[in-house]
């Protein structure tokens, strides 16, 4: 159940990014957006730790600010991977990816605050 909630939160955050950020677009319904959220989540679970390992010195030098660049790259990477699955999600350029990643992070954080940690 927790996985499904996280997937819905990510999909909602991606939807907000498509509405707020020029250069990020999605054509399709909510089911497809859940697919994009799944692609984004899988990439963050598999690719992101590898990239973090190899870019660790940049994290140290920038005092963690390189996280924003890594988040932007992950959002940009979700675009061609989602397209490979027939999902029409597109991120055009680094600036759109950067601002979109910030929006996705903030919206995901805010929505996660509304969900209790444990089901009782």
C-alpha atoms as a PDB file:
ATOM      1  CA  UNK A   1       0.000   0.000   0.000  1.00  0.00           C
ATOM      2  CA  UNK A   2       2.858   2.371   0.832  1.00  0.00           C
ATOM      3  CA  UNK A   3       4.317   1.833  -2.657  1.00  0.00           C
ATOM      4  CA  UNK A   4       1.025   2.806  -4.294  1.00  0.00           C
ATOM      5  CA  UNK A   5       0.766   5.958  -2.171  1.00  0.00           C
ATOM      6  CA  UNK A   6       4.319   6.986  -3.104  1.00  0.00           C
ATOM      7  CA  UNK A   7       3.551   6.318  -6.761  1.00  0.00           C
ATOM      8  CA  UNK A   8       0.445   8.530  -6.624  1.00  0.00           C
ATOM      9  CA  UNK A   9       2.372  11.288  -4.835  1.00  0.00           C
ATOM     10  CA  UNK A  10       5.120  11.181  -7.468  1.00  0.00           C
ATOM     11  CA  UNK A  11       2.557  11.227 -10.280  1.00  0.00           C
ATOM     12  CA  UNK A  12       0.845  14.238  -8.721  1.00  0.00           C
ATOM     13  CA  UNK A  13       4.190  16.028  -8.326  1.00  0.00           C
ATOM     14  CA  UNK A  14       5.069  15.318 -11.958  1.00  0.00           C
ATOM     15  CA  UNK A  15       1.655  16.610 -13.024  1.00  0.00           C
ATOM     16  CA  UNK A  16       2.249  19.864 -11.127  1.00  0.00           C
ATOM     17  CA  UNK A  17       5.651  20.203 -12.819  1.00  0.00           C
ATOM     18  CA  UNK A  18       4.038  19.795 -16.241  1.00  0.00           C
ATOM     19  CA  UNK A  19       1.597  22.591 -15.400  1.00  0.00           C
ATOM     20  CA  UNK A  20       4.077  25.006 -13.816  1.00  0.00           C
ATOM     21  CA  UNK A  21       7.324  24.561 -15.760  1.00  0.00           C
ATOM     22  CA  UNK A  22       7.615  25.560 -19.397  1.00  0.00           C
ATOM     23  CA  UNK A  23       9.582  22.834 -21.146  1.00  0.00           C
ATOM     24  CA  UNK A  24       8.043  19.880 -19.317  1.00  0.00           C
ATOM     25  CA  UNK A  25       5.022  18.351 -20.982  1.00  0.00           C
ATOM     26  CA  UNK A  26       2.859  15.276 -20.749  1.00  0.00           C
ATOM     27  CA  UNK A  27       0.091  14.128 -23.057  1.00  0.00           C
ATOM     28  CA  UNK A  28      -2.174  11.432 -21.727  1.00  0.00           C
ATOM     29  CA  UNK A  29      -4.286  10.403 -18.775  1.00  0.00           C
ATOM     30  CA  UNK A  30      -3.608   9.595 -15.149  1.00  0.00           C
ATOM     31  CA  UNK A  31      -2.784   5.961 -15.851  1.00  0.00           C
ATOM     32  CA  UNK A  32       0.021   7.011 -18.175  1.00  0.00           C
ATOM     33  CA  UNK A  33       1.226   9.539 -15.626  1.00  0.00           C
ATOM     34  CA  UNK A  34       1.406   6.730 -13.067  1.00  0.00           C
ATOM     35  CA  UNK A  35       3.593   4.931 -15.623  1.00  0.00           C
ATOM     36  CA  UNK A  36       5.875   7.965 -15.862  1.00  0.00           C
ATOM     37  CA  UNK A  37       6.025   8.093 -12.053  1.00  0.00           C
ATOM     38  CA  UNK A  38       6.969   4.410 -12.017  1.00  0.00           C
ATOM     39  CA  UNK A  39       9.744   5.000 -14.574  1.00  0.00           C
ATOM     40  CA  UNK A  40      10.984   7.979 -12.543  1.00  0.00           C
ATOM     41  CA  UNK A  41      10.934   5.940  -9.338  1.00  0.00           C
ATOM     42  CA  UNK A  42      12.774   2.981 -10.850  1.00  0.00           C
ATOM     43  CA  UNK A  43      15.444   5.281 -12.286  1.00  0.00           C
ATOM     44  CA  UNK A  44      15.845   6.960  -8.895  1.00  0.00           C
ATOM     45  CA  UNK A  45      16.153   3.565  -7.224  1.00  0.00           C
ATOM     46  CA  UNK A  46      18.667   2.061  -9.667  1.00  0.00           C
ATOM     47  CA  UNK A  47      20.583   4.772 -11.539  1.00  0.00           C
ATOM     48  CA  UNK A  48      20.727   7.494  -8.904  1.00  0.00           C
ATOM     49  CA  UNK A  49      22.808   5.541  -6.325  1.00  0.00           C
ATOM     50  CA  UNK A  50      25.375   4.706  -9.007  1.00  0.00           C
ATOM     51  CA  UNK A  51      25.606   8.326 -10.117  1.00  0.00           C
ATOM     52  CA  UNK A  52      25.831   9.476  -6.502  1.00  0.00           C
ATOM     53  CA  UNK A  53      28.747   7.139  -5.927  1.00  0.00           C
ATOM     54  CA  UNK A  54      30.680   8.418  -8.938  1.00  0.00           C
ATOM     55  CA  UNK A  55      29.915  12.079  -8.273  1.00  0.00           C
ATOM     56  CA  UNK A  56      30.582  11.974  -4.532  1.00  0.00           C
ATOM     57  CA  UNK A  57      33.560  14.370  -4.773  1.00  0.00           C
ATOM     58  CA  UNK A  58      31.280  16.952  -6.416  1.00  0.00           C
ATOM     59  CA  UNK A  59      28.836  16.598  -3.536  1.00  0.00           C
ATOM     60  CA  UNK A  60      31.652  17.339  -1.105  1.00  0.00           C
ATOM     61  CA  UNK A  61      33.054  20.263  -3.063  1.00  0.00           C
ATOM     62  CA  UNK A  62      29.634  21.912  -3.496  1.00  0.00           C
ATOM     63  CA  UNK A  63      28.502  21.074   0.037  1.00  0.00           C
ATOM     64  CA  UNK A  64      25.600  19.039  -1.304  1.00  0.00           C
ATOM     65  CA  UNK A  65      24.350  21.542  -3.867  1.00  0.00           C
ATOM     66  CA  UNK A  66      25.231  19.114  -6.665  1.00  0.00           C
ATOM     67  CA  UNK A  67      22.115  17.222  -5.541  1.00  0.00           C
ATOM     68  CA  UNK A  68      20.063  19.715  -7.542  1.00  0.00           C
ATOM     69  CA  UNK A  69      22.003  18.888 -10.698  1.00  0.00           C
ATOM     70  CA  UNK A  70      21.612  15.157 -10.072  1.00  0.00           C
ATOM     71  CA  UNK A  71      17.859  15.567  -9.508  1.00  0.00           C
ATOM     72  CA  UNK A  72      17.579  17.507 -12.770  1.00  0.00           C
ATOM     73  CA  UNK A  73      19.495  14.794 -14.613  1.00  0.00           C
ATOM     74  CA  UNK A  74      17.202  12.092 -13.223  1.00  0.00           C
ATOM     75  CA  UNK A  75      14.105  13.993 -14.373  1.00  0.00           C
ATOM     76  CA  UNK A  76      15.639  14.564 -17.796  1.00  0.00           C
ATOM     77  CA  UNK A  77      16.572  10.866 -18.036  1.00  0.00           C
ATOM     78  CA  UNK A  78      12.989   9.875 -17.258  1.00  0.00           C
ATOM     79  CA  UNK A  79      11.890  11.580 -20.481  1.00  0.00           C
ATOM     80  CA  UNK A  80      13.569   9.262 -23.052  1.00  0.00           C
ATOM     81  CA  UNK A  81      12.994   6.168 -20.922  1.00  0.00           C
ATOM     82  CA  UNK A  82       9.285   6.968 -20.620  1.00  0.00           C
ATOM     83  CA  UNK A  83       9.153   7.611 -24.375  1.00  0.00           C
ATOM     84  CA  UNK A  84      10.623   4.144 -24.934  1.00  0.00           C
ATOM     85  CA  UNK A  85       7.551   2.756 -23.162  1.00  0.00           C
ATOM     86  CA  UNK A  86       5.206   4.838 -25.299  1.00  0.00           C
ATOM     87  CA  UNK A  87       4.542   7.467 -22.617  1.00  0.00           C
ATOM     88  CA  UNK A  88       4.452  11.024 -23.942  1.00  0.00           C
ATOM     89  CA  UNK A  89       6.430  12.751 -21.206  1.00  0.00           C
ATOM     90  CA  UNK A  90       9.029  15.236 -22.368  1.00  0.00           C
ATOM     91  CA  UNK A  91      11.621  17.406 -20.657  1.00  0.00           C
ATOM     92  CA  UNK A  92      13.252  19.965 -22.956  1.00  0.00           C
ATOM     93  CA  UNK A  93      16.593  21.275 -21.724  1.00  0.00           C
ATOM     94  CA  UNK A  94      18.535  21.496 -18.508  1.00  0.00           C
ATOM     95  CA  UNK A  95      16.744  24.587 -17.201  1.00  0.00           C
ATOM     96  CA  UNK A  96      13.353  22.881 -17.461  1.00  0.00           C
ATOM     97  CA  UNK A  97      14.784  19.754 -15.828  1.00  0.00           C
ATOM     98  CA  UNK A  98      16.360  21.785 -13.027  1.00  0.00           C
ATOM     99  CA  UNK A  99      13.243  23.767 -12.155  1.00  0.00           C
ATOM    100  CA  UNK A 100      11.042  20.735 -12.708  1.00  0.00           C
ATOM    101  CA  UNK A 101      13.113  18.673 -10.296  1.00  0.00           C
ATOM    102  CA  UNK A 102      12.738  21.412  -7.680  1.00  0.00           C
ATOM    103  CA  UNK A 103       8.965  21.483  -8.171  1.00  0.00           C
ATOM    104  CA  UNK A 104       8.714  17.682  -8.017  1.00  0.00           C
ATOM    105  CA  UNK A 105      10.801  17.625  -4.822  1.00  0.00           C
ATOM    106  CA  UNK A 106       8.791  20.328  -3.074  1.00  0.00           C
ATOM    107  CA  UNK A 107       5.373  18.967  -4.095  1.00  0.00           C
ATOM    108  CA  UNK A 108       6.385  15.414  -3.164  1.00  0.00           C
ATOM    109  CA  UNK A 109       7.602  16.622   0.217  1.00  0.00           C
ATOM    110  CA  UNK A 110       4.421  18.594   0.904  1.00  0.00           C
ATOM    111  CA  UNK A 111       2.132  15.734  -0.136  1.00  0.00           C
ATOM    112  CA  UNK A 112       4.178  13.256   1.904  1.00  0.00           C
ATOM    113  CA  UNK A 113       3.603  15.419   4.970  1.00  0.00           C
ATOM    114  CA  UNK A 114      -0.137  14.773   4.610  1.00  0.00           C
ATOM    115  CA  UNK A 115       0.310  10.991   4.740  1.00  0.00           C
ATOM    116  CA  UNK A 116       0.860   9.357   8.142  1.00  0.00           C
ATOM    117  CA  UNK A 117       4.028   7.285   8.493  1.00  0.00           C
ATOM    118  CA  UNK A 118       2.310   4.093   9.606  1.00  0.00           C
ATOM    119  CA  UNK A 119      -1.084   2.604   9.184  1.00  0.00           C
ATOM    120  CA  UNK A 120      -2.720   1.892  12.519  1.00  0.00           C
END
